[in-house]
N, C-alpha and C. Protein backbone atom coordinates (compact mmCIF):
# COMPACT_ATOMS: atom_id res chain seq x y z
N MET A 1 124.93 105.87 67.27
CA MET A 1 124.92 105.77 68.71
C MET A 1 126.23 105.82 68.87
N PRO A 2 127.30 106.40 70.26
CA PRO A 2 128.23 106.75 70.45
C PRO A 2 128.37 104.90 71.80
N LYS A 3 129.20 104.88 70.68
CA LYS A 3 129.72 103.50 71.64
C LYS A 3 129.75 103.60 73.73
N ASN A 4 129.67 104.88 73.93
CA ASN A 4 129.98 104.55 75.73
C ASN A 4 128.01 104.39 75.62
N ASP A 5 127.53 105.49 74.65
CA ASP A 5 126.02 105.38 74.85
C ASP A 5 125.23 103.67 75.04
N ARG A 6 125.61 103.28 73.88
CA ARG A 6 125.55 101.58 73.86
C ARG A 6 125.62 100.55 74.86
N ARG A 7 127.05 101.25 75.83
CA ARG A 7 126.79 100.63 76.94
C ARG A 7 126.15 100.99 77.78
N LEU A 8 125.80 101.76 78.38
CA LEU A 8 125.09 101.94 79.23
C LEU A 8 123.67 101.76 79.31
N SER A 9 122.88 101.71 77.83
CA SER A 9 122.04 100.97 77.15
C SER A 9 121.83 99.71 77.45
N SER A 10 123.04 98.75 77.30
CA SER A 10 122.75 97.63 77.45
C SER A 10 123.01 97.14 79.76
N GLU A 11 123.59 97.84 80.34
CA GLU A 11 123.91 98.01 81.10
C GLU A 11 122.57 98.30 82.25
N HIS A 12 121.86 98.92 81.73
CA HIS A 12 120.82 99.84 82.21
C HIS A 12 119.36 97.99 81.92
N ARG A 13 119.21 97.84 81.00
CA ARG A 13 118.57 96.11 80.51
C ARG A 13 118.97 95.93 81.16
N SER A 14 120.19 94.69 81.73
CA SER A 14 120.22 94.13 82.46
C SER A 14 119.95 94.45 83.93
N CYS A 15 119.22 95.77 84.88
CA CYS A 15 119.19 96.00 85.96
C CYS A 15 118.12 96.24 85.58
N LEU A 16 117.08 95.25 84.75
CA LEU A 16 115.39 95.89 84.66
C LEU A 16 115.29 94.47 85.44
N VAL A 17 114.18 94.85 86.06
CA VAL A 17 113.29 93.38 86.90
C VAL A 17 112.72 93.07 86.15
N SER A 18 111.70 91.88 86.23
CA SER A 18 110.91 91.30 85.34
C SER A 18 110.29 90.55 86.51
N LYS A 19 111.41 89.39 87.13
CA LYS A 19 109.85 89.04 88.19
C LYS A 19 110.68 89.27 89.58
N THR A 20 109.78 88.96 90.62
CA THR A 20 109.54 89.28 92.07
C THR A 20 109.18 87.72 92.43
N LEU A 21 110.62 87.76 93.71
CA LEU A 21 109.76 85.93 94.00
C LEU A 21 109.54 86.28 95.49
N LEU A 22 108.51 86.06 95.97
CA LEU A 22 108.13 86.22 97.64
C LEU A 22 108.57 84.57 98.02
N LEU A 23 109.40 84.54 99.66
CA LEU A 23 109.81 83.20 99.64
C LEU A 23 109.03 83.39 101.55
N LEU A 24 108.13 82.85 101.63
CA LEU A 24 107.63 82.67 103.12
C LEU A 24 108.38 81.41 103.45
N ARG A 25 108.69 81.32 104.77
CA ARG A 25 109.22 80.47 105.51
C ARG A 25 107.78 80.00 106.47
N HIS A 26 107.58 78.78 106.32
CA HIS A 26 106.17 78.53 107.09
C HIS A 26 106.45 78.80 108.48
N ALA A 27 105.66 79.00 109.35
CA ALA A 27 105.44 79.87 111.10
C ALA A 27 105.59 78.34 112.05
N LYS A 28 105.73 78.95 112.98
CA LYS A 28 106.45 78.02 114.14
C LYS A 28 105.47 77.65 114.25
N SER A 29 106.39 75.98 114.15
CA SER A 29 105.61 74.27 113.92
C SER A 29 105.36 74.41 115.74
N SER A 30 105.72 73.23 116.38
CA SER A 30 105.26 72.42 117.47
C SER A 30 106.03 71.01 117.37
N TRP A 31 107.28 71.14 118.42
CA TRP A 31 107.78 69.99 118.57
C TRP A 31 107.08 69.33 119.95
N SER A 32 106.01 68.96 120.11
CA SER A 32 105.99 68.88 121.65
C SER A 32 103.83 68.54 121.10
N SER A 33 104.42 67.69 119.28
CA SER A 33 103.09 67.38 119.00
C SER A 33 103.25 65.81 118.92
N LEU A 34 102.15 65.32 118.67
CA LEU A 34 102.58 63.47 118.48
C LEU A 34 102.87 63.24 117.36
N ALA A 35 102.42 63.99 116.28
CA ALA A 35 102.66 63.77 115.21
C ALA A 35 104.14 62.51 114.91
N ASP A 36 103.38 62.22 113.34
CA ASP A 36 104.17 60.81 113.50
C ASP A 36 105.30 60.98 112.88
N SER A 37 106.29 62.24 112.25
CA SER A 37 107.15 62.37 111.01
C SER A 37 106.96 64.13 111.30
N ASP A 38 108.75 64.52 111.24
CA ASP A 38 108.61 65.79 110.97
C ASP A 38 108.19 66.43 109.83
N PHE A 39 107.13 65.64 108.58
CA PHE A 39 106.06 66.26 107.59
C PHE A 39 105.33 66.40 107.90
N GLU A 40 104.28 65.92 109.31
CA GLU A 40 103.49 66.26 109.97
C GLU A 40 103.46 66.49 111.08
N ARG A 41 104.37 67.10 111.33
CA ARG A 41 104.20 68.35 112.69
C ARG A 41 103.48 69.46 112.06
N PRO A 42 103.00 69.95 113.20
CA PRO A 42 101.73 70.92 113.02
C PRO A 42 102.28 72.25 113.70
N LEU A 43 101.52 73.34 113.19
CA LEU A 43 101.88 74.92 113.62
C LEU A 43 101.54 75.19 115.23
N ASN A 44 102.31 75.32 116.12
CA ASN A 44 101.47 75.70 117.76
C ASN A 44 101.11 77.14 117.41
N ARG A 45 100.42 77.53 118.13
CA ARG A 45 99.25 78.97 118.56
C ARG A 45 100.87 80.14 118.71
N ARG A 46 101.71 79.76 118.72
CA ARG A 46 102.42 81.57 118.08
C ARG A 46 102.73 81.01 116.42
N GLY A 47 102.81 79.83 116.06
CA GLY A 47 102.87 79.89 114.74
C GLY A 47 101.63 80.75 114.43
N GLU A 48 100.93 79.82 114.44
CA GLU A 48 99.14 80.40 113.69
C GLU A 48 98.85 82.19 114.26
N ARG A 49 99.48 82.77 115.11
CA ARG A 49 99.32 84.36 115.16
C ARG A 49 100.28 84.84 114.28
N SER A 50 101.39 84.22 114.83
CA SER A 50 102.36 85.08 113.83
C SER A 50 102.09 84.97 111.44
N ALA A 51 101.55 83.70 111.46
CA ALA A 51 100.86 83.57 110.37
C ALA A 51 99.72 84.35 109.97
N ALA A 52 99.05 84.59 110.54
CA ALA A 52 97.65 85.66 110.05
C ALA A 52 98.45 87.51 110.44
N VAL A 53 99.53 87.31 111.40
CA VAL A 53 100.22 88.93 111.21
C VAL A 53 100.73 89.03 109.71
N VAL A 54 101.39 88.00 109.23
CA VAL A 54 101.99 88.27 108.02
C VAL A 54 100.81 88.28 106.98
N GLY A 55 100.05 87.64 107.05
CA GLY A 55 99.15 87.51 105.94
C GLY A 55 98.23 89.06 106.58
N ILE A 56 98.04 88.97 107.19
CA ILE A 56 97.54 91.18 107.29
C ILE A 56 98.39 91.90 106.58
N MET A 57 99.47 92.26 106.79
CA MET A 57 100.51 92.31 106.70
C MET A 57 100.90 92.76 104.73
N MET A 58 100.43 91.28 104.52
CA MET A 58 100.17 91.02 102.90
C MET A 58 99.63 92.14 102.03
N LYS A 59 98.42 91.98 102.73
CA LYS A 59 97.33 92.59 102.74
C LYS A 59 97.60 93.89 102.66
N GLN A 60 97.33 94.51 103.52
CA GLN A 60 97.47 95.98 103.52
C GLN A 60 98.68 96.11 102.77
N GLU A 61 99.87 96.08 102.38
CA GLU A 61 100.68 96.39 101.84
C GLU A 61 100.76 96.30 100.21
N LYS A 62 99.99 95.73 99.87
CA LYS A 62 99.24 95.39 98.57
C LYS A 62 100.74 94.35 97.71
N ILE A 63 100.77 92.86 98.95
CA ILE A 63 101.42 92.27 98.39
C ILE A 63 100.60 91.05 97.61
N PHE A 64 100.61 91.11 97.09
CA PHE A 64 99.74 90.15 95.81
C PHE A 64 100.43 89.43 94.67
N PRO A 65 100.64 87.82 95.32
CA PRO A 65 101.31 87.16 94.13
C PRO A 65 100.01 86.44 93.22
N ASP A 66 100.76 85.87 92.14
CA ASP A 66 99.67 85.70 91.32
C ASP A 66 100.14 84.19 91.00
N LEU A 67 100.29 83.75 92.18
CA LEU A 67 100.58 82.09 92.03
C LEU A 67 101.25 81.64 93.45
N VAL A 68 101.04 80.80 94.21
CA VAL A 68 101.57 80.32 95.48
C VAL A 68 101.39 78.55 95.62
N LEU A 69 102.59 77.97 95.14
CA LEU A 69 103.44 76.87 95.49
C LEU A 69 104.14 76.50 97.25
N CYS A 70 103.53 75.65 97.37
CA CYS A 70 103.30 75.45 98.99
C CYS A 70 104.22 74.16 99.00
N SER A 71 104.80 73.84 100.42
CA SER A 71 105.42 72.34 100.48
C SER A 71 104.23 71.39 100.48
N SER A 72 104.05 70.44 100.55
CA SER A 72 102.90 69.89 101.44
C SER A 72 102.90 68.94 102.19
N ALA A 73 104.44 69.41 103.51
CA ALA A 73 104.51 68.85 105.00
C ALA A 73 102.91 69.70 105.32
N ARG A 74 102.91 69.13 107.12
CA ARG A 74 101.56 69.95 107.47
C ARG A 74 101.77 71.32 107.85
N ARG A 75 103.21 71.96 108.50
CA ARG A 75 102.78 73.21 108.96
C ARG A 75 102.48 74.02 107.90
N THR A 76 103.40 73.93 106.43
CA THR A 76 103.47 74.87 105.17
C THR A 76 102.05 75.43 105.33
N LEU A 77 100.99 74.17 104.96
CA LEU A 77 99.67 73.82 104.95
C LEU A 77 98.96 74.75 105.74
N GLN A 78 99.37 74.92 106.74
CA GLN A 78 98.55 75.57 107.64
C GLN A 78 98.72 77.08 107.59
N THR A 79 100.01 77.16 107.52
CA THR A 79 100.39 78.49 107.27
C THR A 79 100.01 78.96 105.92
N ARG A 80 99.80 78.42 104.71
CA ARG A 80 98.77 78.92 103.90
C ARG A 80 97.55 79.33 104.11
N ASP A 81 96.94 78.03 104.81
CA ASP A 81 95.06 77.88 105.60
C ASP A 81 95.20 79.39 106.12
N ILE A 82 96.21 80.25 107.15
CA ILE A 82 95.94 80.81 107.25
C ILE A 82 96.07 82.34 106.80
N ILE A 83 97.28 82.56 105.73
CA ILE A 83 97.31 83.75 104.85
C ILE A 83 96.19 83.40 103.61
N ARG A 84 95.53 82.44 103.75
CA ARG A 84 94.90 82.70 101.83
C ARG A 84 94.24 83.90 101.93
N PRO A 85 93.63 83.97 103.31
CA PRO A 85 91.93 85.18 102.97
C PRO A 85 92.46 86.46 103.12
N TYR A 86 93.68 86.01 103.10
CA TYR A 86 94.58 87.98 102.56
C TYR A 86 94.93 88.52 101.62
N LEU A 87 95.14 87.00 100.72
CA LEU A 87 95.78 86.92 99.48
C LEU A 87 94.18 87.50 98.02
N PRO A 88 94.94 87.43 96.81
CA PRO A 88 93.43 87.54 95.74
C PRO A 88 92.58 86.58 95.78
N ARG A 89 91.49 86.54 95.84
CA ARG A 89 90.47 85.42 95.78
C ARG A 89 90.79 84.05 94.39
N ASN A 90 91.68 84.88 92.96
CA ASN A 90 91.57 83.66 92.48
C ASN A 90 93.02 83.40 91.60
N CYS A 91 93.79 83.84 93.44
CA CYS A 91 95.30 83.44 93.30
C CYS A 91 95.56 81.93 93.37
N PRO A 92 96.30 81.27 92.27
CA PRO A 92 96.52 79.66 92.17
C PRO A 92 97.08 79.18 93.19
N VAL A 93 96.25 78.31 93.89
CA VAL A 93 96.92 77.38 95.07
C VAL A 93 98.28 76.05 94.30
N GLU A 94 99.35 75.59 94.39
CA GLU A 94 99.28 74.08 93.53
C GLU A 94 100.50 73.87 95.33
N GLU A 95 100.49 73.13 95.44
CA GLU A 95 100.93 72.16 96.54
C GLU A 95 102.82 71.15 95.76
N SER A 96 103.42 71.28 96.61
CA SER A 96 104.29 70.21 95.86
C SER A 96 105.19 69.20 97.10
N SER A 97 105.39 68.08 96.89
CA SER A 97 106.74 67.55 97.85
C SER A 97 108.17 67.81 97.28
N ARG A 98 108.40 68.38 96.38
CA ARG A 98 109.83 68.73 96.04
C ARG A 98 110.36 69.40 96.58
N ILE A 99 109.00 70.67 97.13
CA ILE A 99 110.32 71.33 97.80
C ILE A 99 110.42 71.27 99.17
N TYR A 100 109.92 69.84 99.94
CA TYR A 100 110.11 69.44 100.72
C TYR A 100 111.45 68.89 101.72
N GLU A 101 111.66 69.82 102.11
CA GLU A 101 113.65 69.12 102.30
C GLU A 101 114.89 69.04 101.09
N ALA A 102 113.91 70.61 100.50
CA ALA A 102 115.03 70.38 98.98
C ALA A 102 115.98 71.11 98.83
N SER A 103 117.15 70.64 98.18
CA SER A 103 118.29 71.13 98.06
C SER A 103 118.07 72.30 97.32
N VAL A 104 119.03 73.81 97.57
CA VAL A 104 119.00 74.42 96.53
C VAL A 104 118.45 74.61 95.12
N ARG A 105 119.35 73.25 94.58
CA ARG A 105 119.45 73.08 93.18
C ARG A 105 118.65 72.56 93.27
N ASP A 106 118.13 71.85 93.88
CA ASP A 106 116.63 71.40 93.84
C ASP A 106 114.81 72.29 93.62
N VAL A 107 115.18 73.41 94.59
CA VAL A 107 114.07 74.26 94.54
C VAL A 107 114.56 75.13 93.53
N PHE A 108 116.29 75.16 93.07
CA PHE A 108 115.90 76.11 91.54
C PHE A 108 115.08 75.13 90.40
N THR A 109 115.52 74.28 90.46
CA THR A 109 115.02 73.35 88.80
C THR A 109 113.24 73.57 89.85
N VAL A 110 112.58 73.63 90.27
CA VAL A 110 111.23 73.46 91.04
C VAL A 110 110.63 75.38 90.71
N LEU A 111 111.91 76.65 91.03
CA LEU A 111 111.36 78.06 90.44
C LEU A 111 111.52 77.99 88.93
N SER A 112 112.56 77.16 88.08
CA SER A 112 112.85 76.79 86.39
C SER A 112 111.39 76.66 86.22
N GLU A 113 110.59 76.07 86.53
CA GLU A 113 109.12 75.48 85.62
C GLU A 113 107.81 76.07 85.39
N PHE A 114 108.20 77.44 86.69
CA PHE A 114 106.43 78.42 86.74
C PHE A 114 106.81 78.67 85.18
N PRO A 115 105.29 79.20 85.13
CA PRO A 115 105.10 79.37 83.76
C PRO A 115 105.57 81.06 83.55
N ASP A 116 105.86 81.01 82.14
CA ASP A 116 106.77 82.52 81.92
C ASP A 116 105.68 84.03 83.16
N ASN A 117 104.31 83.72 82.46
CA ASN A 117 102.80 84.72 82.77
C ASN A 117 102.88 84.92 84.04
N VAL A 118 104.26 83.75 85.03
CA VAL A 118 103.57 83.96 86.70
C VAL A 118 104.52 85.40 87.12
N GLN A 119 104.80 86.57 87.32
CA GLN A 119 105.08 87.20 87.91
C GLN A 119 105.53 88.00 89.43
N GLU A 120 104.89 87.69 89.94
CA GLU A 120 105.09 87.59 91.38
C GLU A 120 104.55 86.25 92.47
N PRO A 121 105.84 84.97 92.14
CA PRO A 121 104.76 83.30 93.13
C PRO A 121 105.33 83.94 94.54
N LEU A 122 104.74 83.45 95.59
CA LEU A 122 105.05 83.55 96.60
C LEU A 122 105.29 81.59 96.80
N VAL A 123 106.43 81.55 97.40
CA VAL A 123 106.77 80.04 97.69
C VAL A 123 106.77 79.82 99.18
N ILE A 124 106.12 79.05 100.00
CA ILE A 124 106.07 78.37 101.06
C ILE A 124 106.92 77.28 101.74
N GLY A 125 107.55 77.41 102.20
CA GLY A 125 108.66 76.83 102.47
C GLY A 125 108.75 76.18 103.91
N HIS A 126 110.31 75.77 103.90
CA HIS A 126 111.33 75.56 104.69
C HIS A 126 112.70 76.32 104.97
N ASN A 127 113.18 75.82 106.03
CA ASN A 127 114.92 76.15 105.44
C ASN A 127 115.37 74.53 105.95
N PRO A 128 117.11 74.50 105.94
CA PRO A 128 117.35 75.87 105.20
C PRO A 128 117.33 76.03 104.14
N GLY A 129 116.55 75.51 103.31
CA GLY A 129 116.05 76.13 101.75
C GLY A 129 115.77 77.35 101.28
N LEU A 130 114.65 77.99 101.89
CA LEU A 130 114.93 79.04 102.09
C LEU A 130 115.86 80.49 101.79
N GLU A 131 116.54 79.30 102.98
CA GLU A 131 117.88 80.77 103.19
C GLU A 131 118.69 80.86 102.46
N GLN A 132 118.94 79.78 101.97
CA GLN A 132 119.82 79.47 101.22
C GLN A 132 120.15 79.67 99.78
N LEU A 133 118.55 79.72 99.38
CA LEU A 133 118.18 79.79 98.20
C LEU A 133 117.88 81.70 97.77
N THR A 134 118.03 82.28 99.11
CA THR A 134 117.89 84.02 99.26
C THR A 134 119.29 84.09 98.72
N LEU A 135 120.59 83.39 99.31
CA LEU A 135 121.94 83.79 99.58
C LEU A 135 122.09 83.51 98.47
N SER A 136 121.71 82.71 97.67
CA SER A 136 122.48 81.99 96.20
C SER A 136 121.53 82.90 95.66
N LEU A 137 120.66 83.67 95.56
CA LEU A 137 120.50 84.39 94.74
C LEU A 137 120.46 85.65 94.51
N CYS A 138 120.62 86.51 95.77
CA CYS A 138 121.26 87.88 95.59
C CYS A 138 123.05 88.07 96.09
N GLY A 139 123.45 87.01 96.02
CA GLY A 139 124.85 87.48 96.91
C GLY A 139 125.32 88.21 97.75
N THR A 140 126.00 89.53 97.35
CA THR A 140 125.57 90.17 98.46
C THR A 140 124.93 91.70 97.78
N VAL A 141 123.92 91.32 97.32
CA VAL A 141 123.20 92.40 96.73
C VAL A 141 122.01 92.40 97.76
N GLY A 142 121.84 92.85 98.63
CA GLY A 142 120.54 93.49 99.55
C GLY A 142 120.93 94.18 100.98
N GLY A 143 121.94 94.78 101.05
CA GLY A 143 122.32 95.79 102.29
C GLY A 143 121.85 94.80 103.44
N GLU A 144 121.92 95.70 104.22
CA GLU A 144 121.27 95.22 105.83
C GLU A 144 120.61 94.11 105.78
N GLU A 145 118.97 94.00 105.09
CA GLU A 145 118.37 92.97 105.09
C GLU A 145 119.08 91.53 104.74
N LEU A 146 119.98 91.38 103.28
CA LEU A 146 121.28 90.83 103.56
C LEU A 146 121.39 90.27 104.77
N TYR A 147 122.14 91.01 105.09
CA TYR A 147 123.08 90.29 106.85
C TYR A 147 121.87 89.47 107.68
N ARG A 148 120.50 90.16 107.77
CA ARG A 148 119.92 89.81 109.05
C ARG A 148 119.71 88.18 108.11
N VAL A 149 119.22 88.07 106.88
CA VAL A 149 118.99 86.95 106.01
C VAL A 149 120.67 85.75 106.50
N GLN A 150 121.68 86.02 106.43
CA GLN A 150 122.47 85.41 106.96
C GLN A 150 122.77 85.14 108.18
N GLU A 151 122.30 86.05 109.02
CA GLU A 151 122.48 86.07 110.69
C GLU A 151 121.09 84.71 110.86
N LYS A 152 119.70 84.82 110.72
CA LYS A 152 119.25 83.81 110.15
C LYS A 152 117.99 84.13 109.76
N PHE A 153 117.03 83.07 108.90
CA PHE A 153 115.54 82.84 108.41
C PHE A 153 114.85 82.49 109.04
N PRO A 154 113.84 82.92 110.42
CA PRO A 154 113.42 82.59 111.31
C PRO A 154 112.02 81.92 110.60
N THR A 155 111.37 81.17 111.65
CA THR A 155 110.34 80.80 111.15
C THR A 155 109.30 82.14 110.79
N GLY A 156 108.23 81.89 109.86
CA GLY A 156 106.73 83.21 109.12
C GLY A 156 107.97 84.14 108.58
N ALA A 157 109.29 83.22 108.61
CA ALA A 157 109.85 85.65 107.24
C ALA A 157 109.29 85.11 106.34
N LEU A 158 109.40 87.12 105.58
CA LEU A 158 109.13 86.71 104.24
C LEU A 158 110.22 88.07 103.73
N ALA A 159 110.83 86.82 102.56
CA ALA A 159 111.51 87.78 102.29
C ALA A 159 110.90 87.82 100.24
N THR A 160 111.71 89.26 100.01
CA THR A 160 111.21 89.39 98.63
C THR A 160 112.56 90.51 97.82
N ILE A 161 112.02 89.18 97.01
CA ILE A 161 113.20 88.89 95.81
C ILE A 161 112.86 89.82 94.53
N GLU A 162 113.49 90.73 94.37
CA GLU A 162 113.51 91.17 92.40
C GLU A 162 114.36 90.39 91.95
N LEU A 163 114.06 90.08 90.70
CA LEU A 163 114.85 89.25 89.81
C LEU A 163 115.18 89.67 88.31
N ALA A 164 116.62 89.14 87.33
CA ALA A 164 116.62 90.38 86.37
C ALA A 164 116.50 89.48 85.94
N ILE A 165 115.08 88.75 85.68
CA ILE A 165 114.49 88.04 84.49
C ILE A 165 113.52 87.56 84.07
N ASP A 166 113.77 87.20 82.44
CA ASP A 166 112.13 87.37 81.92
C ASP A 166 111.91 86.32 82.08
N ALA A 167 112.20 84.97 81.60
CA ALA A 167 111.47 83.25 81.86
C ALA A 167 112.42 82.97 82.91
N TRP A 168 111.21 82.50 83.70
CA TRP A 168 111.70 81.57 84.91
C TRP A 168 113.06 80.66 84.68
N LYS A 169 113.20 79.91 83.11
CA LYS A 169 114.13 79.26 82.98
C LYS A 169 115.24 79.80 82.79
N ASP A 170 115.39 81.29 83.34
CA ASP A 170 116.78 81.56 83.53
C ASP A 170 117.32 82.58 84.80
N ILE A 171 116.34 81.82 85.96
CA ILE A 171 116.39 81.69 87.20
C ILE A 171 118.01 81.04 87.55
N ALA A 172 118.97 81.57 88.28
CA ALA A 172 120.50 81.13 88.75
C ALA A 172 120.81 82.54 89.94
N PRO A 173 121.93 81.59 90.21
CA PRO A 173 122.76 82.75 91.11
C PRO A 173 123.30 83.42 90.77
N GLY A 174 122.79 85.02 91.82
CA GLY A 174 123.13 86.04 91.27
C GLY A 174 122.32 87.21 90.25
N LYS A 175 121.09 86.26 90.64
CA LYS A 175 120.04 86.69 89.72
C LYS A 175 118.96 87.63 90.28
N GLY A 176 119.22 87.71 91.30
CA GLY A 176 118.12 88.57 92.45
C GLY A 176 118.86 90.11 93.41
N GLN A 177 117.58 90.33 94.23
CA GLN A 177 118.28 91.81 94.73
C GLN A 177 117.33 91.79 96.03
N LEU A 178 117.88 91.29 96.82
CA LEU A 178 116.92 90.99 98.18
C LEU A 178 116.71 92.99 98.88
N ARG A 179 114.80 92.63 98.50
CA ARG A 179 114.39 94.01 98.48
C ARG A 179 114.03 94.21 99.70
N ARG A 180 113.43 93.27 100.52
CA ARG A 180 112.83 93.21 101.94
C ARG A 180 112.75 91.98 102.60
N PHE A 181 112.40 91.58 104.28
CA PHE A 181 113.23 90.67 104.75
C PHE A 181 112.27 90.92 106.15
N VAL A 182 111.19 90.71 106.25
CA VAL A 182 109.97 90.90 107.34
C VAL A 182 110.13 89.65 107.77
N VAL A 183 109.91 89.91 109.66
CA VAL A 183 110.17 88.58 110.42
C VAL A 183 109.00 89.01 110.97
N PRO A 184 108.06 87.97 111.95
CA PRO A 184 106.79 88.64 112.38
C PRO A 184 106.78 88.96 113.41
N LYS A 185 108.31 89.26 113.94
CA LYS A 185 108.09 89.78 115.37
C LYS A 185 108.39 91.37 115.20
N ASP A 186 109.12 91.53 113.70
CA ASP A 186 108.79 93.44 113.86
C ASP A 186 107.67 93.30 113.48
N LEU A 187 106.45 92.69 113.42
CA LEU A 187 105.42 93.43 112.90
C LEU A 187 104.32 94.04 113.99
N VAL A 188 104.88 93.06 114.83
CA VAL A 188 103.73 93.09 116.58
C VAL A 188 104.51 94.07 117.57
């Protein structure tokens, strides 16, 4: 094989996508509730409606995660409960307090612990962590969609990131490409 062909072959392999990461920020929460803490804040009515719209879109567009990891904060659990009827019935769902108020580094650690048979997990979490994670993973690869993330990762938004990794332990900054960024108001 000529040297140039070997190089192209190697470049082609590095561009293959093995995993897809779905990042969903919890839907709009209520600041006027009588919750004892930020952790206990519930969704408001607008958040409940937008979570349902995102769930319907996921089902219609055949976005079927094979694992859901959800922050254990009340508003993320409520978001999960609203979209759950639109997910595959056999999709495992886990809760973790480790992604509540987590730094990007902490979220990378959590993701690196996923089993390698998981191909398309959905993480339901919070900002600024999800926005910073998206920007860290994608760097400058994502065009207009990435620009929208840089502007704001609003409540109820869903990012779809293709990852050039075979194993979750290899997840790192720059390993992703933002393929889609959906905001609930774009769906209604």
